[in-house]
């Protein structure tokens, strides 16, 4: 069940990052007009908010998967 622990660790990490930084900004550059070699570009910024329930859910699910993987691994050895 090593893969279960790895998936749980990734989910827990993503959930923790989401709780630590719930807002992030992206920017996109678009060509507005072009005339020969001359190009006019516009940069647009968009702010994205990650809901805390989604981050907390990913964190809890990741911890549950880690615990399940460890418990299953111990049970198989006994």
PDB file of N, CA and C in Angstrom:
ATOM      1  N   UNK A   1       0.802  -1.189   0.000  1.00  0.00           N
ATOM      2  CA  UNK A   1       0.000   0.000   0.000  1.00  0.00           C
ATOM      3  C   UNK A   1       0.853   1.264   0.000  1.00  0.00           C
ATOM      4  N   UNK A   2       2.024   1.177  -0.583  1.00  0.00           N
ATOM      5  CA  UNK A   2       2.913   2.332  -0.642  1.00  0.00           C
ATOM      6  C   UNK A   2       2.284   3.461  -1.456  1.00  0.00           C
ATOM      7  N   UNK A   3       1.543   3.105  -2.502  1.00  0.00           N
ATOM      8  CA  UNK A   3       0.924   4.130  -3.348  1.00  0.00           C
ATOM      9  C   UNK A   3      -0.147   4.895  -2.588  1.00  0.00           C
ATOM     10  N   UNK A   4      -0.819   4.259  -1.650  1.00  0.00           N
ATOM     11  CA  UNK A   4      -1.846   4.917  -0.849  1.00  0.00           C
ATOM     12  C   UNK A   4      -1.220   5.990   0.038  1.00  0.00           C
ATOM     13  N   UNK A   5      -0.078   5.687   0.609  1.00  0.00           N
ATOM     14  CA  UNK A   5       0.632   6.657   1.446  1.00  0.00           C
ATOM     15  C   UNK A   5       1.130   7.824   0.604  1.00  0.00           C
ATOM     16  N   UNK A   6       1.626   7.542  -0.594  1.00  0.00           N
ATOM     17  CA  UNK A   6       2.130   8.602  -1.472  1.00  0.00           C
ATOM     18  C   UNK A   6       1.012   9.534  -1.929  1.00  0.00           C
ATOM     19  N   UNK A   7      -0.123   8.973  -2.318  1.00  0.00           N
ATOM     20  CA  UNK A   7      -1.255   9.804  -2.728  1.00  0.00           C
ATOM     21  C   UNK A   7      -1.748  10.628  -1.542  1.00  0.00           C
ATOM     22  N   UNK A   8      -1.798  10.022  -0.363  1.00  0.00           N
ATOM     23  CA  UNK A   8      -2.209  10.740   0.836  1.00  0.00           C
ATOM     24  C   UNK A   8      -1.265  11.878   1.171  1.00  0.00           C
ATOM     25  N   UNK A   9       0.023  11.653   0.995  1.00  0.00           N
ATOM     26  CA  UNK A   9       1.003  12.702   1.276  1.00  0.00           C
ATOM     27  C   UNK A   9       0.835  13.875   0.313  1.00  0.00           C
ATOM     28  N   UNK A  10       0.603  13.576  -0.956  1.00  0.00           N
ATOM     29  CA  UNK A  10       0.408  14.644  -1.944  1.00  0.00           C
ATOM     30  C   UNK A  10      -0.858  15.439  -1.622  1.00  0.00           C
ATOM     31  N   UNK A  11      -1.949  14.743  -1.309  1.00  0.00           N
ATOM     32  CA  UNK A  11      -3.194  15.430  -0.958  1.00  0.00           C
ATOM     33  C   UNK A  11      -3.031  16.286   0.299  1.00  0.00           C
ATOM     34  N   UNK A  12      -2.360  15.755   1.305  1.00  0.00           N
ATOM     35  CA  UNK A  12      -2.143  16.508   2.538  1.00  0.00           C
ATOM     36  C   UNK A  12      -1.285  17.742   2.273  1.00  0.00           C
ATOM     37  N   UNK A  13      -0.285  17.603   1.427  1.00  0.00           N
ATOM     38  CA  UNK A  13       0.578  18.735   1.091  1.00  0.00           C
ATOM     39  C   UNK A  13      -0.201  19.815   0.341  1.00  0.00           C
ATOM     40  N   UNK A  14      -0.997  19.408  -0.643  1.00  0.00           N
ATOM     41  CA  UNK A  14      -1.793  20.371  -1.415  1.00  0.00           C
ATOM     42  C   UNK A  14      -2.820  21.058  -0.514  1.00  0.00           C
ATOM     43  N   UNK A  15      -3.444  20.288   0.371  1.00  0.00           N
ATOM     44  CA  UNK A  15      -4.396  20.875   1.306  1.00  0.00           C
ATOM     45  C   UNK A  15      -3.743  21.865   2.257  1.00  0.00           C
ATOM     46  N   UNK A  16      -2.563  21.535   2.741  1.00  0.00           N
ATOM     47  CA  UNK A  16      -1.832  22.452   3.627  1.00  0.00           C
ATOM     48  C   UNK A  16      -1.428  23.730   2.927  1.00  0.00           C
ATOM     49  N   UNK A  17      -0.977  23.604   1.682  1.00  0.00           N
ATOM     50  CA  UNK A  17      -0.619  24.803   0.907  1.00  0.00           C
ATOM     51  C   UNK A  17      -1.859  25.646   0.646  1.00  0.00           C
ATOM     52  N   UNK A  18      -2.984  24.977   0.341  1.00  0.00           N
ATOM     53  CA  UNK A  18      -4.228  25.707   0.116  1.00  0.00           C
ATOM     54  C   UNK A  18      -4.694  26.465   1.341  1.00  0.00           C
ATOM     55  N   UNK A  19      -4.480  25.908   2.525  1.00  0.00           N
ATOM     56  CA  UNK A  19      -4.844  26.612   3.754  1.00  0.00           C
ATOM     57  C   UNK A  19      -3.876  27.749   4.054  1.00  0.00           C
ATOM     58  N   UNK A  20      -2.608  27.572   3.709  1.00  0.00           N
ATOM     59  CA  UNK A  20      -1.605  28.604   3.975  1.00  0.00           C
ATOM     60  C   UNK A  20      -1.720  29.776   3.003  1.00  0.00           C
ATOM     61  N   UNK A  21      -2.046  29.486   1.740  1.00  0.00           N
ATOM     62  CA  UNK A  21      -2.155  30.534   0.715  1.00  0.00           C
ATOM     63  C   UNK A  21      -3.472  30.369  -0.042  1.00  0.00           C
ATOM     64  N   UNK A  22      -4.579  30.865   0.510  1.00  0.00           N
ATOM     65  CA  UNK A  22      -5.878  30.630  -0.125  1.00  0.00           C
ATOM     66  C   UNK A  22      -6.153  31.502  -1.348  1.00  0.00           C
ATOM     67  N   UNK A  23      -5.344  32.526  -1.590  1.00  0.00           N
ATOM     68  CA  UNK A  23      -5.560  33.429  -2.721  1.00  0.00           C
ATOM     69  C   UNK A  23      -4.282  33.475  -3.553  1.00  0.00           C
ATOM     70  N   UNK A  24      -4.442  33.333  -4.882  1.00  0.00           N
ATOM     71  CA  UNK A  24      -3.288  33.485  -5.764  1.00  0.00           C
ATOM     72  C   UNK A  24      -3.712  34.220  -7.029  1.00  0.00           C
ATOM     73  N   UNK A  25      -2.747  34.840  -7.687  1.00  0.00           N
ATOM     74  CA  UNK A  25      -3.006  35.656  -8.862  1.00  0.00           C
ATOM     75  C   UNK A  25      -2.261  35.087 -10.055  1.00  0.00           C
ATOM     76  N   UNK A  26      -2.931  35.062 -11.208  1.00  0.00           N
ATOM     77  CA  UNK A  26      -2.299  34.661 -12.459  1.00  0.00           C
ATOM     78  C   UNK A  26      -2.381  35.819 -13.438  1.00  0.00           C
ATOM     79  N   UNK A  27      -1.458  35.849 -14.372  1.00  0.00           N
ATOM     80  CA  UNK A  27      -1.496  36.890 -15.397  1.00  0.00           C
ATOM     81  C   UNK A  27      -1.417  36.253 -16.770  1.00  0.00           C
ATOM     82  N   UNK A  28      -2.097  36.880 -17.726  1.00  0.00           N
ATOM     83  CA  UNK A  28      -2.146  36.377 -19.090  1.00  0.00           C
ATOM     84  C   UNK A  28      -1.924  37.550 -20.035  1.00  0.00           C
ATOM     85  N   UNK A  29      -1.025  37.357 -20.990  1.00  0.00           N
ATOM     86  CA  UNK A  29      -0.735  38.392 -21.974  1.00  0.00           C
ATOM     87  C   UNK A  29      -1.424  38.039 -23.287  1.00  0.00           C
ATOM     88  N   UNK A  30      -2.174  39.020 -23.806  1.00  0.00           N
ATOM     89  CA  UNK A  30      -2.901  38.818 -25.063  1.00  0.00           C
ATOM     90  C   UNK A  30      -2.478  39.874 -26.076  1.00  0.00           C
ATOM     91  N   UNK A  31      -2.472  39.466 -27.337  1.00  0.00           N
ATOM     92  CA  UNK A  31      -2.228  40.429 -28.410  1.00  0.00           C
ATOM     93  C   UNK A  31      -3.515  41.190 -28.679  1.00  0.00           C
ATOM     94  N   UNK A  32      -3.457  42.522 -28.554  1.00  0.00           N
ATOM     95  CA  UNK A  32      -4.629  43.352 -28.797  1.00  0.00           C
ATOM     96  C   UNK A  32      -4.712  43.713 -30.273  1.00  0.00           C
ATOM     97  N   UNK A  33      -3.572  44.135 -30.822  1.00  0.00           N
ATOM     98  CA  UNK A  33      -3.533  44.508 -32.238  1.00  0.00           C
ATOM     99  C   UNK A  33      -2.124  44.306 -32.756  1.00  0.00           C
ATOM    100  N   UNK A  34      -2.033  44.046 -34.037  1.00  0.00           N
ATOM    101  CA  UNK A  34      -0.713  43.934 -34.655  1.00  0.00           C
ATOM    102  C   UNK A  34      -0.766  44.574 -36.035  1.00  0.00           C
ATOM    103  N   UNK A  35       0.263  45.327 -36.333  1.00  0.00           N
ATOM    104  CA  UNK A  35       0.384  45.999 -37.616  1.00  0.00           C
ATOM    105  C   UNK A  35       1.813  45.783 -38.094  1.00  0.00           C
ATOM    106  N   UNK A  36       2.006  44.797 -38.951  1.00  0.00           N
ATOM    107  CA  UNK A  36       3.348  44.436 -39.398  1.00  0.00           C
ATOM    108  C   UNK A  36       4.145  43.866 -38.246  1.00  0.00           C
ATOM    109  N   UNK A  37       5.290  44.494 -37.966  1.00  0.00           N
ATOM    110  CA  UNK A  37       6.124  44.045 -36.855  1.00  0.00           C
ATOM    111  C   UNK A  37       5.704  44.644 -35.518  1.00  0.00           C
ATOM    112  N   UNK A  38       4.826  45.611 -35.535  1.00  0.00           N
ATOM    113  CA  UNK A  38       4.375  46.274 -34.318  1.00  0.00           C
ATOM    114  C   UNK A  38       3.229  45.488 -33.693  1.00  0.00           C
ATOM    115  N   UNK A  39       3.389  45.160 -32.433  1.00  0.00           N
ATOM    116  CA  UNK A  39       2.350  44.423 -31.708  1.00  0.00           C
ATOM    117  C   UNK A  39       1.987  45.186 -30.444  1.00  0.00           C
ATOM    118  N   UNK A  40       0.707  45.283 -30.194  1.00  0.00           N
ATOM    119  CA  UNK A  40       0.224  45.886 -28.955  1.00  0.00           C
ATOM    120  C   UNK A  40      -0.342  44.760 -28.105  1.00  0.00           C
ATOM    121  N   UNK A  41       0.176  44.662 -26.888  1.00  0.00           N
ATOM    122  CA  UNK A  41      -0.232  43.572 -26.006  1.00  0.00           C
ATOM    123  C   UNK A  41      -0.846  44.122 -24.725  1.00  0.00           C
ATOM    124  N   UNK A  42      -1.717  43.327 -24.156  1.00  0.00           N
ATOM    125  CA  UNK A  42      -2.369  43.676 -22.900  1.00  0.00           C
ATOM    126  C   UNK A  42      -2.163  42.532 -21.914  1.00  0.00           C
ATOM    127  N   UNK A  43      -1.813  42.887 -20.695  1.00  0.00           N
ATOM    128  CA  UNK A  43      -1.643  41.886 -19.650  1.00  0.00           C
ATOM    129  C   UNK A  43      -2.810  41.984 -18.683  1.00  0.00           C
ATOM    130  N   UNK A  44      -3.518  40.871 -18.521  1.00  0.00           N
ATOM    131  CA  UNK A  44      -4.661  40.826 -17.617  1.00  0.00           C
ATOM    132  C   UNK A  44      -4.313  39.949 -16.424  1.00  0.00           C
ATOM    133  N   UNK A  45      -4.657  40.437 -15.249  1.00  0.00           N
ATOM    134  CA  UNK A  45      -4.417  39.668 -14.036  1.00  0.00           C
ATOM    135  C   UNK A  45      -5.752  39.192 -13.475  1.00  0.00           C
ATOM    136  N   UNK A  46      -5.765  37.952 -13.032  1.00  0.00           N
ATOM    137  CA  UNK A  46      -6.972  37.372 -12.441  1.00  0.00           C
ATOM    138  C   UNK A  46      -6.625  36.810 -11.065  1.00  0.00           C
ATOM    139  N   UNK A  47      -7.465  37.086 -10.104  1.00  0.00           N
ATOM    140  CA  UNK A  47      -7.284  36.593  -8.741  1.00  0.00           C
ATOM    141  C   UNK A  47      -8.191  35.390  -8.534  1.00  0.00           C
ATOM    142  N   UNK A  48      -7.632  34.320  -7.979  1.00  0.00           N
ATOM    143  CA  UNK A  48      -8.366  33.091  -7.727  1.00  0.00           C
ATOM    144  C   UNK A  48      -8.363  32.814  -6.225  1.00  0.00           C
ATOM    145  N   UNK A  49      -9.511  32.382  -5.717  1.00  0.00           N
ATOM    146  CA  UNK A  49      -9.644  32.067  -4.296  1.00  0.00           C
ATOM    147  C   UNK A  49      -9.957  30.579  -4.157  1.00  0.00           C
ATOM    148  N   UNK A  50      -9.166  29.887  -3.345  1.00  0.00           N
ATOM    149  CA  UNK A  50      -9.393  28.471  -3.065  1.00  0.00           C
ATOM    150  C   UNK A  50     -10.246  28.381  -1.798  1.00  0.00           C
ATOM    151  N   UNK A  51     -11.425  27.765  -1.871  1.00  0.00           N
ATOM    152  CA  UNK A  51     -12.273  27.668  -0.672  1.00  0.00           C
ATOM    153  C   UNK A  51     -11.566  26.884   0.440  1.00  0.00           C
ATOM    154  N   UNK A  52     -11.698  27.369   1.674  1.00  0.00           N
ATOM    155  CA  UNK A  52     -10.999  26.711   2.784  1.00  0.00           C
ATOM    156  C   UNK A  52     -11.547  25.315   3.026  1.00  0.00           C
ATOM    157  N   UNK A  53     -12.829  25.088   2.689  1.00  0.00           N
ATOM    158  CA  UNK A  53     -13.389  23.751   2.887  1.00  0.00           C
ATOM    159  C   UNK A  53     -12.734  22.736   1.946  1.00  0.00           C
ATOM    160  N   UNK A  54     -12.414  23.178   0.733  1.00  0.00           N
ATOM    161  CA  UNK A  54     -11.732  22.295  -0.215  1.00  0.00           C
ATOM    162  C   UNK A  54     -10.324  21.958   0.281  1.00  0.00           C
ATOM    163  N   UNK A  55      -9.612  22.964   0.765  1.00  0.00           N
ATOM    164  CA  UNK A  55      -8.256  22.738   1.280  1.00  0.00           C
ATOM    165  C   UNK A  55      -8.277  21.848   2.517  1.00  0.00           C
ATOM    166  N   UNK A  56      -9.194  22.129   3.428  1.00  0.00           N
ATOM    167  CA  UNK A  56      -9.285  21.320   4.649  1.00  0.00           C
ATOM    168  C   UNK A  56      -9.706  19.889   4.320  1.00  0.00           C
ATOM    169  N   UNK A  57     -10.607  19.736   3.362  1.00  0.00           N
ATOM    170  CA  UNK A  57     -11.029  18.395   2.949  1.00  0.00           C
ATOM    171  C   UNK A  57      -9.892  17.596   2.347  1.00  0.00           C
ATOM    172  N   UNK A  58      -9.084  18.255   1.506  1.00  0.00           N
ATOM    173  CA  UNK A  58      -7.932  17.569   0.910  1.00  0.00           C
ATOM    174  C   UNK A  58      -6.925  17.172   1.984  1.00  0.00           C
ATOM    175  N   UNK A  59      -6.717  18.050   2.964  1.00  0.00           N
ATOM    176  CA  UNK A  59      -5.787  17.753   4.055  1.00  0.00           C
ATOM    177  C   UNK A  59      -6.274  16.560   4.882  1.00  0.00           C
ATOM    178  N   UNK A  60      -7.539  16.569   5.252  1.00  0.00           N
ATOM    179  CA  UNK A  60      -8.093  15.482   6.060  1.00  0.00           C
ATOM    180  C   UNK A  60      -8.089  14.171   5.280  1.00  0.00           C
ATOM    181  N   UNK A  61      -8.502  14.216   4.005  1.00  0.00           N
ATOM    182  CA  UNK A  61      -8.495  13.007   3.183  1.00  0.00           C
ATOM    183  C   UNK A  61      -7.078  12.454   3.031  1.00  0.00           C
ATOM    184  N   UNK A  62      -6.104  13.343   2.845  1.00  0.00           N
ATOM    185  CA  UNK A  62      -4.714  12.905   2.745  1.00  0.00           C
ATOM    186  C   UNK A  62      -4.237  12.220   4.013  1.00  0.00           C
ATOM    187  N   UNK A  63      -4.589  12.785   5.163  1.00  0.00           N
ATOM    188  CA  UNK A  63      -4.186  12.172   6.431  1.00  0.00           C
ATOM    189  C   UNK A  63      -4.875  10.828   6.639  1.00  0.00           C
ATOM    190  N   UNK A  64      -6.137  10.730   6.215  1.00  0.00           N
ATOM    191  CA  UNK A  64      -6.842   9.444   6.326  1.00  0.00           C
ATOM    192  C   UNK A  64      -6.188   8.396   5.425  1.00  0.00           C
ATOM    193  N   UNK A  65      -5.810   8.777   4.212  1.00  0.00           N
ATOM    194  CA  UNK A  65      -5.151   7.830   3.305  1.00  0.00           C
ATOM    195  C   UNK A  65      -3.792   7.387   3.849  1.00  0.00           C
ATOM    196  N   UNK A  66      -3.047   8.318   4.436  1.00  0.00           N
ATOM    197  CA  UNK A  66      -1.756   7.961   5.034  1.00  0.00           C
ATOM    198  C   UNK A  66      -1.966   6.967   6.174  1.00  0.00           C
ATOM    199  N   UNK A  67      -2.922   7.254   7.053  1.00  0.00           N
ATOM    200  CA  UNK A  67      -3.188   6.362   8.189  1.00  0.00           C
ATOM    201  C   UNK A  67      -3.656   4.985   7.711  1.00  0.00           C
ATOM    202  N   UNK A  68      -4.502   4.966   6.683  1.00  0.00           N
ATOM    203  CA  UNK A  68      -4.975   3.693   6.148  1.00  0.00           C
ATOM    204  C   UNK A  68      -3.829   2.893   5.544  1.00  0.00           C
ATOM    205  N   UNK A  69      -2.950   3.566   4.822  1.00  0.00           N
ATOM    206  CA  UNK A  69      -1.802   2.882   4.231  1.00  0.00           C
ATOM    207  C   UNK A  69      -0.871   2.314   5.276  1.00  0.00           C
ATOM    208  N   UNK A  70      -0.634   3.059   6.340  1.00  0.00           N
ATOM    209  CA  UNK A  70       0.236   2.569   7.413  1.00  0.00           C
ATOM    210  C   UNK A  70      -0.427   1.412   8.150  1.00  0.00           C
ATOM    211  N   UNK A  71      -1.726   1.542   8.440  1.00  0.00           N
ATOM    212  CA  UNK A  71      -2.449   0.483   9.148  1.00  0.00           C
ATOM    213  C   UNK A  71      -2.487  -0.805   8.331  1.00  0.00           C
ATOM    214  N   UNK A  72      -2.730  -0.669   7.024  1.00  0.00           N
ATOM    215  CA  UNK A  72      -2.779  -1.856   6.146  1.00  0.00           C
ATOM    216  C   UNK A  72      -1.411  -2.495   6.043  1.00  0.00           C
ATOM    217  N   UNK A  73      -0.376  -1.676   5.983  1.00  0.00           N
ATOM    218  CA  UNK A  73       0.988  -2.208   5.886  1.00  0.00           C
ATOM    219  C   UNK A  73       1.338  -2.989   7.156  1.00  0.00           C
ATOM    220  N   UNK A  74       0.961  -2.464   8.322  1.00  0.00           N
ATOM    221  CA  UNK A  74       1.237  -3.154   9.575  1.00  0.00           C
ATOM    222  C   UNK A  74       0.430  -4.442   9.690  1.00  0.00           C
ATOM    223  N   UNK A  75      -0.823  -4.407   9.236  1.00  0.00           N
ATOM    224  CA  UNK A  75      -1.676  -5.576   9.313  1.00  0.00           C
ATOM    225  C   UNK A  75      -1.172  -6.698   8.423  1.00  0.00           C
ATOM    226  N   UNK A  76      -0.567  -6.365   7.279  1.00  0.00           N
ATOM    227  CA  UNK A  76      -0.053  -7.384   6.367  1.00  0.00           C
ATOM    228  C   UNK A  76       1.202  -8.051   6.932  1.00  0.00           C
ATOM    229  N   UNK A  77       1.958  -7.311   7.753  1.00  0.00           N
ATOM    230  CA  UNK A  77       3.178  -7.870   8.309  1.00  0.00           C
ATOM    231  C   UNK A  77       2.916  -8.783   9.513  1.00  0.00           C
ATOM    232  N   UNK A  78       1.807  -8.550  10.188  1.00  0.00           N
ATOM    233  CA  UNK A  78       1.523  -9.324  11.401  1.00  0.00           C
ATOM    234  C   UNK A  78       1.039 -10.718  11.120  1.00  0.00           C
TER     235      UNK A  78
END
